[in-house]
Amino acid sequence: MQKTMQMNAQENMMESDAGFRMSRIRAEGWKAAQAYLVSGDPGDGKKIAALNPYRAELERKQWYTGFNSALERL
């Protein structure tokens, strides 16, 4: 029982850490969109894709979520 509780606590911490990391990646995308808009560069899909520093699909999606969210709000 004690071991199961410890394992559950560790899993919850890992999920919490992963969620925090994904939120930071979204924030990086938001920040990149702000800089992109300030630059005045009309850009295109290739230029925007080049701004995304992540290669893993999940991280790339999180970055784009932040980037697009900023474009919609700014």
C-alpha atoms as a PDB file:
ATOM      1  CA  MET A   1       0.000   0.000   0.000  1.00  0.00           C
ATOM      2  CA  GLN A   2       2.749   2.459   1.002  1.00  0.00           C
ATOM      3  CA  LYS A   3       4.720   1.624  -2.152  1.00  0.00           C
ATOM      4  CA  THR A   4       1.639   2.200  -4.322  1.00  0.00           C
ATOM      5  CA  MET A   5       1.061   5.585  -2.697  1.00  0.00           C
ATOM      6  CA  GLN A   6       4.694   6.544  -3.309  1.00  0.00           C
ATOM      7  CA  MET A   7       4.429   5.494  -6.960  1.00  0.00           C
ATOM      8  CA  ASN A   8       1.230   7.515  -7.392  1.00  0.00           C
ATOM      9  CA  ALA A   9       2.882  10.559  -5.823  1.00  0.00           C
ATOM     10  CA  GLN A  10       5.852  10.209  -8.180  1.00  0.00           C
ATOM     11  CA  GLU A  11       3.557   9.872 -11.196  1.00  0.00           C
ATOM     12  CA  ASN A  12       1.607  12.969 -10.147  1.00  0.00           C
ATOM     13  CA  MET A  13       4.844  14.945  -9.804  1.00  0.00           C
ATOM     14  CA  MET A  14       5.989  13.809 -13.240  1.00  0.00           C
ATOM     15  CA  GLU A  15       2.652  14.801 -14.791  1.00  0.00           C
ATOM     16  CA  SER A  16       2.792  18.136 -13.010  1.00  0.00           C
ATOM     17  CA  ASP A  17       6.361  18.729 -14.244  1.00  0.00           C
ATOM     18  CA  ALA A  18       5.370  17.807 -17.799  1.00  0.00           C
ATOM     19  CA  GLY A  19       2.365  20.135 -17.668  1.00  0.00           C
ATOM     20  CA  PHE A  20       4.531  22.961 -16.392  1.00  0.00           C
ATOM     21  CA  ARG A  21       7.084  22.336 -19.142  1.00  0.00           C
ATOM     22  CA  MET A  22       4.368  22.407 -21.814  1.00  0.00           C
ATOM     23  CA  SER A  23       3.041  25.695 -20.427  1.00  0.00           C
ATOM     24  CA  ARG A  24       6.536  27.184 -20.632  1.00  0.00           C
ATOM     25  CA  ILE A  25       6.834  26.051 -24.254  1.00  0.00           C
ATOM     26  CA  ARG A  26       3.483  27.707 -25.061  1.00  0.00           C
ATOM     27  CA  ALA A  27       4.769  30.875 -23.375  1.00  0.00           C
ATOM     28  CA  GLU A  28       7.881  30.776 -25.566  1.00  0.00           C
ATOM     29  CA  GLY A  29       5.648  30.583 -28.632  1.00  0.00           C
ATOM     30  CA  TRP A  30       3.633  33.557 -27.362  1.00  0.00           C
ATOM     31  CA  LYS A  31       6.809  35.559 -26.804  1.00  0.00           C
ATOM     32  CA  ALA A  32       8.090  34.659 -30.275  1.00  0.00           C
ATOM     33  CA  ALA A  33       4.815  35.892 -31.812  1.00  0.00           C
ATOM     34  CA  GLN A  34       5.171  39.210 -30.024  1.00  0.00           C
ATOM     35  CA  ALA A  35       8.696  39.652 -31.402  1.00  0.00           C
ATOM     36  CA  TYR A  36       7.511  38.554 -34.841  1.00  0.00           C
ATOM     37  CA  LEU A  37       4.737  41.170 -34.862  1.00  0.00           C
ATOM     38  CA  VAL A  38       7.043  43.927 -33.629  1.00  0.00           C
ATOM     39  CA  SER A  39       9.560  43.128 -36.375  1.00  0.00           C
ATOM     40  CA  GLY A  40       6.971  43.967 -39.035  1.00  0.00           C
ATOM     41  CA  ASP A  41       8.217  41.082 -41.147  1.00  0.00           C
ATOM     42  CA  PRO A  42       5.252  39.793 -43.181  1.00  0.00           C
ATOM     43  CA  GLY A  43       6.892  36.370 -43.160  1.00  0.00           C
ATOM     44  CA  ASP A  44       5.415  33.168 -44.374  1.00  0.00           C
ATOM     45  CA  GLY A  45       4.873  29.677 -43.059  1.00  0.00           C
ATOM     46  CA  LYS A  46       8.506  28.691 -43.590  1.00  0.00           C
ATOM     47  CA  LYS A  47       9.832  31.688 -41.667  1.00  0.00           C
ATOM     48  CA  ILE A  48       7.443  31.041 -38.808  1.00  0.00           C
ATOM     49  CA  ALA A  49       8.351  27.351 -38.756  1.00  0.00           C
ATOM     50  CA  ALA A  50      12.023  28.317 -38.555  1.00  0.00           C
ATOM     51  CA  LEU A  51      11.288  30.305 -35.376  1.00  0.00           C
ATOM     52  CA  ASN A  52      10.109  27.155 -33.597  1.00  0.00           C
ATOM     53  CA  PRO A  53      13.156  25.679 -31.843  1.00  0.00           C
ATOM     54  CA  TYR A  54      11.500  22.358 -30.993  1.00  0.00           C
ATOM     55  CA  ARG A  55      11.779  19.164 -33.026  1.00  0.00           C
ATOM     56  CA  ALA A  56       9.557  16.798 -31.051  1.00  0.00           C
ATOM     57  CA  GLU A  57       6.003  16.920 -32.393  1.00  0.00           C
ATOM     58  CA  LEU A  58       4.287  17.473 -29.035  1.00  0.00           C
ATOM     59  CA  GLU A  59       6.597  20.345 -28.167  1.00  0.00           C
ATOM     60  CA  ARG A  60       6.260  21.875 -31.643  1.00  0.00           C
ATOM     61  CA  LYS A  61       2.475  21.801 -31.299  1.00  0.00           C
ATOM     62  CA  GLN A  62       2.622  23.468 -27.889  1.00  0.00           C
ATOM     63  CA  TRP A  63       4.880  26.211 -29.254  1.00  0.00           C
ATOM     64  CA  TYR A  64       2.504  26.804 -32.190  1.00  0.00           C
ATOM     65  CA  THR A  65      -0.438  26.929 -29.801  1.00  0.00           C
ATOM     66  CA  GLY A  66       1.228  29.756 -27.917  1.00  0.00           C
ATOM     67  CA  PHE A  67       2.316  31.504 -31.114  1.00  0.00           C
ATOM     68  CA  ASN A  68      -1.132  31.360 -32.712  1.00  0.00           C
ATOM     69  CA  SER A  69      -2.867  32.339 -29.490  1.00  0.00           C
ATOM     70  CA  ALA A  70      -0.753  35.496 -29.332  1.00  0.00           C
ATOM     71  CA  LEU A  71      -1.495  36.340 -32.972  1.00  0.00           C
ATOM     72  CA  GLU A  72      -5.218  36.049 -32.289  1.00  0.00           C
ATOM     73  CA  ARG A  73      -5.057  38.321 -29.235  1.00  0.00           C
ATOM     74  CA  LEU A  74      -2.483  40.921 -30.240  1.00  0.00           C
END
